[in-house]
N, C-alpha and C. Protein backbone atom coordinates (compact mmCIF):
# COMPACT_ATOMS: atom_id res chain seq x y z
N MET A 1 37.71 128.48 105.27
CA MET A 1 36.82 127.59 106.25
C MET A 1 35.10 127.48 105.24
N VAL A 2 34.85 126.79 106.35
CA VAL A 2 33.74 126.14 105.72
C VAL A 2 32.56 126.28 107.04
N GLY A 3 31.34 126.88 106.00
CA GLY A 3 30.16 127.44 106.69
C GLY A 3 30.22 129.06 107.45
N LEU A 4 30.62 129.70 107.30
CA LEU A 4 31.09 130.92 108.17
C LEU A 4 31.08 131.23 106.82
N SER A 5 30.20 132.71 107.04
CA SER A 5 30.31 134.15 106.11
C SER A 5 31.27 134.60 106.08
N GLU A 6 31.25 136.15 105.05
CA GLU A 6 32.59 136.75 105.25
C GLU A 6 32.90 137.36 106.25
N LYS A 7 31.81 137.55 106.74
CA LYS A 7 32.28 138.73 108.15
C LYS A 7 33.04 137.68 109.36
N GLN A 8 32.25 136.40 109.43
CA GLN A 8 33.03 136.08 111.17
C GLN A 8 34.96 135.33 110.22
N ILE A 9 34.72 135.48 108.65
CA ILE A 9 36.26 135.27 108.41
C ILE A 9 36.76 136.71 108.48
N LYS A 10 37.14 137.25 108.03
CA LYS A 10 37.58 138.33 109.03
C LYS A 10 37.34 139.54 109.63
N TYR A 11 36.22 138.79 110.60
CA TYR A 11 36.35 138.87 112.03
C TYR A 11 37.78 138.10 112.86
N LYS A 12 37.83 136.51 112.81
CA LYS A 12 38.67 135.60 113.12
C LYS A 12 40.18 136.47 113.00
N SER A 13 40.39 136.87 111.47
CA SER A 13 41.34 137.17 111.00
C SER A 13 42.38 138.16 111.90
N ALA A 14 40.95 139.00 111.75
CA ALA A 14 41.35 140.54 112.45
C ALA A 14 41.91 139.81 113.61
N GLN A 15 41.42 138.82 114.35
CA GLN A 15 41.34 138.27 116.08
C GLN A 15 43.19 137.61 115.67
N ILE A 16 42.86 137.05 115.41
CA ILE A 16 44.41 136.78 114.97
C ILE A 16 45.85 137.38 114.52
N ASN A 17 45.19 138.25 113.42
CA ASN A 17 45.75 139.75 113.15
C ASN A 17 46.64 140.57 114.52
N ASN A 18 45.65 140.48 115.13
CA ASN A 18 45.60 141.22 116.90
C ASN A 18 46.42 140.61 117.62
N ALA A 19 46.37 138.75 117.53
CA ALA A 19 47.54 137.64 118.75
C ALA A 19 49.23 138.45 118.45
N LEU A 20 49.12 138.03 116.82
CA LEU A 20 50.84 138.02 116.23
C LEU A 20 51.06 139.05 116.90
N GLY A 21 50.15 140.50 115.65
CA GLY A 21 50.52 141.82 116.88
C GLY A 21 51.10 142.34 117.72
N VAL A 22 50.88 141.66 119.48
CA VAL A 22 51.29 141.08 120.43
C VAL A 22 52.10 140.82 120.18
N PHE A 23 51.98 140.13 119.66
CA PHE A 23 53.84 139.30 120.28
C PHE A 23 54.18 139.90 120.04
N LEU A 24 54.20 140.87 118.28
CA LEU A 24 55.84 140.85 117.76
C LEU A 24 55.37 142.25 118.04
N LEU A 25 55.03 142.84 119.29
CA LEU A 25 55.03 144.21 119.69
C LEU A 25 55.79 144.64 121.31
N ILE A 26 55.34 142.82 121.60
CA ILE A 26 56.29 141.98 123.26
C ILE A 26 57.66 142.48 122.91
N PHE A 27 57.99 141.54 121.65
CA PHE A 27 59.52 140.90 120.93
C PHE A 27 60.28 142.16 120.49
N GLY A 28 59.90 143.05 120.04
CA GLY A 28 59.98 143.62 119.58
C GLY A 28 60.94 144.94 120.94
N VAL A 29 60.08 145.32 121.60
CA VAL A 29 60.09 145.81 123.34
C VAL A 29 61.29 144.94 123.36
N ILE A 30 61.12 144.10 123.59
CA ILE A 30 62.09 142.97 124.68
C ILE A 30 63.47 143.39 123.37
N VAL A 31 63.14 143.05 122.66
CA VAL A 31 64.85 143.67 121.67
C VAL A 31 65.82 144.74 122.05
N ILE A 32 64.36 146.10 122.15
CA ILE A 32 65.22 147.33 122.35
C ILE A 32 65.28 147.84 123.90
N ILE A 33 64.65 146.58 124.51
CA ILE A 33 65.27 146.35 126.45
C ILE A 33 66.74 146.31 126.35
N ALA A 34 66.83 144.97 125.31
CA ALA A 34 68.38 144.52 125.04
C ALA A 34 69.57 145.63 124.47
N VAL A 35 69.26 146.35 124.13
CA VAL A 35 69.77 147.53 123.32
C VAL A 35 71.03 147.36 124.16
N PRO A 36 70.69 147.54 125.54
CA PRO A 36 72.22 148.33 126.49
C PRO A 36 73.52 146.93 126.83
N PHE A 37 72.96 146.39 127.11
CA PHE A 37 73.05 144.60 126.62
C PHE A 37 74.24 144.34 126.50
N SER A 38 74.70 145.38 124.34
CA SER A 38 75.37 144.15 123.80
C SER A 38 76.47 145.36 123.92
N ASP A 39 77.47 145.11 123.31
CA ASP A 39 79.23 144.85 123.36
C ASP A 39 79.69 145.90 122.67
N ASN A 40 79.44 146.27 121.41
CA ASN A 40 79.32 147.33 120.76
C ASN A 40 78.71 148.50 119.74
N PHE A 41 79.10 149.42 119.93
CA PHE A 41 78.42 150.18 119.28
C PHE A 41 77.16 150.05 118.13
N ILE A 42 77.72 148.74 117.11
CA ILE A 42 77.42 148.37 115.94
C ILE A 42 76.01 147.82 116.62
N ASP A 43 76.35 146.88 117.33
CA ASP A 43 75.39 145.61 118.10
C ASP A 43 74.79 146.46 118.57
N LYS A 44 73.85 147.48 119.20
CA LYS A 44 73.07 148.95 119.87
C LYS A 44 72.33 148.95 119.07
N MET A 45 73.18 149.45 117.95
CA MET A 45 72.12 150.08 116.28
C MET A 45 70.80 149.27 116.12
N THR A 46 71.79 147.55 115.70
CA THR A 46 71.81 146.56 115.25
C THR A 46 70.28 146.68 116.04
N ASN A 47 70.49 146.12 117.15
CA ASN A 47 69.68 146.22 117.76
C ASN A 47 68.38 146.73 118.59
N LEU A 48 68.92 148.46 118.27
CA LEU A 48 67.01 149.99 118.21
C LEU A 48 66.78 149.36 117.13
N VAL A 49 68.00 149.31 116.05
CA VAL A 49 66.71 149.46 114.11
C VAL A 49 65.89 148.20 114.14
N ALA A 50 66.49 147.82 114.78
CA ALA A 50 65.53 145.43 114.57
C ALA A 50 63.88 146.40 115.35
N GLY A 51 64.48 146.58 116.64
CA GLY A 51 63.34 146.62 117.66
C GLY A 51 62.75 147.05 117.72
N LEU A 52 62.14 148.70 117.03
CA LEU A 52 62.12 149.57 116.65
C LEU A 52 61.02 148.93 114.85
N ILE A 53 61.67 148.89 114.12
CA ILE A 53 60.99 148.19 113.26
C ILE A 53 59.69 146.81 113.35
N VAL A 54 60.33 145.81 114.28
CA VAL A 54 59.26 144.37 114.59
C VAL A 54 58.20 145.10 115.49
N ALA A 55 58.66 146.28 116.55
CA ALA A 55 57.68 146.76 117.07
C ALA A 55 56.55 147.62 116.13
N GLY A 56 57.53 148.78 115.48
CA GLY A 56 56.68 149.16 114.46
C GLY A 56 55.29 148.26 113.65
N ILE A 57 56.11 146.92 113.06
CA ILE A 57 54.99 146.22 112.84
C ILE A 57 54.11 145.83 113.80
N GLY A 58 54.25 145.15 114.68
CA GLY A 58 53.16 144.62 115.18
C GLY A 58 52.53 145.84 115.97
N GLY A 59 52.92 147.28 116.70
CA GLY A 59 52.11 148.19 116.99
C GLY A 59 50.86 148.10 114.99
N GLY A 60 51.48 147.94 114.58
CA GLY A 60 49.93 148.95 113.60
C GLY A 60 49.59 147.22 113.32
N MET A 61 49.93 146.20 113.06
CA MET A 61 49.24 144.93 112.85
C MET A 61 47.83 145.10 114.11
N VAL A 62 48.60 145.51 115.41
CA VAL A 62 47.05 145.81 116.54
C VAL A 62 46.33 146.43 115.96
N TRP A 63 47.17 148.02 115.72
CA TRP A 63 46.08 149.34 115.42
C TRP A 63 44.68 148.95 114.31
N SER A 64 44.93 147.73 112.61
CA SER A 64 45.20 147.29 112.01
C SER A 64 43.17 146.98 112.88
N ALA A 65 43.71 145.34 113.01
CA ALA A 65 42.74 145.05 113.85
C ALA A 65 41.61 145.12 114.97
N LYS A 66 42.22 145.55 115.76
CA LYS A 66 41.47 146.59 117.02
C LYS A 66 40.15 147.66 115.57
N ARG A 67 40.96 148.14 114.33
CA ARG A 67 39.98 148.56 114.28
C ARG A 67 39.21 148.26 112.94
N THR A 68 39.56 147.15 112.02
CA THR A 68 38.64 145.85 111.88
C THR A 68 38.23 145.44 112.41
N ILE A 69 38.37 145.07 113.87
CA ILE A 69 37.00 144.90 114.88
C ILE A 69 35.95 145.56 115.01
N LYS A 70 36.73 146.22 115.55
CA LYS A 70 35.64 147.94 116.19
C LYS A 70 34.36 148.07 114.44
N LEU A 71 34.68 148.62 113.18
CA LEU A 71 33.67 148.63 112.18
C LEU A 71 33.66 147.07 112.44
N LEU A 72 33.91 146.34 111.96
CA LEU A 72 32.85 144.75 112.06
C LEU A 72 31.26 144.88 113.15
N LYS A 73 31.92 144.96 114.31
CA LYS A 73 30.46 145.39 115.31
C LYS A 73 30.22 146.23 115.04
N LEU A 74 30.23 148.02 114.66
CA LEU A 74 29.34 149.17 114.29
C LEU A 74 28.51 148.59 112.64
N LYS A 75 28.76 147.54 112.26
CA LYS A 75 28.15 147.29 110.98
C LYS A 75 26.81 146.48 111.23
N ASP A 76 27.38 145.28 112.73
CA ASP A 76 26.42 144.77 113.22
C ASP A 76 25.13 145.75 113.61
N GLY A 77 25.15 146.95 114.01
CA GLY A 77 24.59 147.08 115.03
C GLY A 77 24.42 147.77 116.31
N GLU A 78 25.28 147.18 116.42
CA GLU A 78 26.19 146.63 118.01
C GLU A 78 26.80 148.24 119.13
N THR A 79 26.54 148.51 119.87
CA THR A 79 26.68 149.53 120.77
C THR A 79 28.26 149.42 120.86
N GLU A 80 29.07 150.76 120.62
CA GLU A 80 30.81 151.18 120.54
C GLU A 80 30.26 150.88 122.38
N ASP A 81 31.22 149.53 123.42
CA ASP A 81 31.00 149.67 124.34
C ASP A 81 32.91 150.42 124.80
N LYS A 82 32.95 151.38 126.48
CA LYS A 82 33.99 151.76 126.36
C LYS A 82 33.97 151.84 128.31
């Protein structure tokens, strides 16, 4: 990215990771909700495990992105908004 500082690039990257993480988290929850609609036990366990893995990855991405954004804002000297 031309003309952006390293901090701005990290901030943009954290925002993108946050959006992707939310998408994966929602998708994982949808897959978990689909578990009761599966026909047999193998399908149910496959959907449950896949949903938990995808939701876990999404949750981790959201947590990491929020943490990065918070750290970057605190380094600027901005007050923490709650």
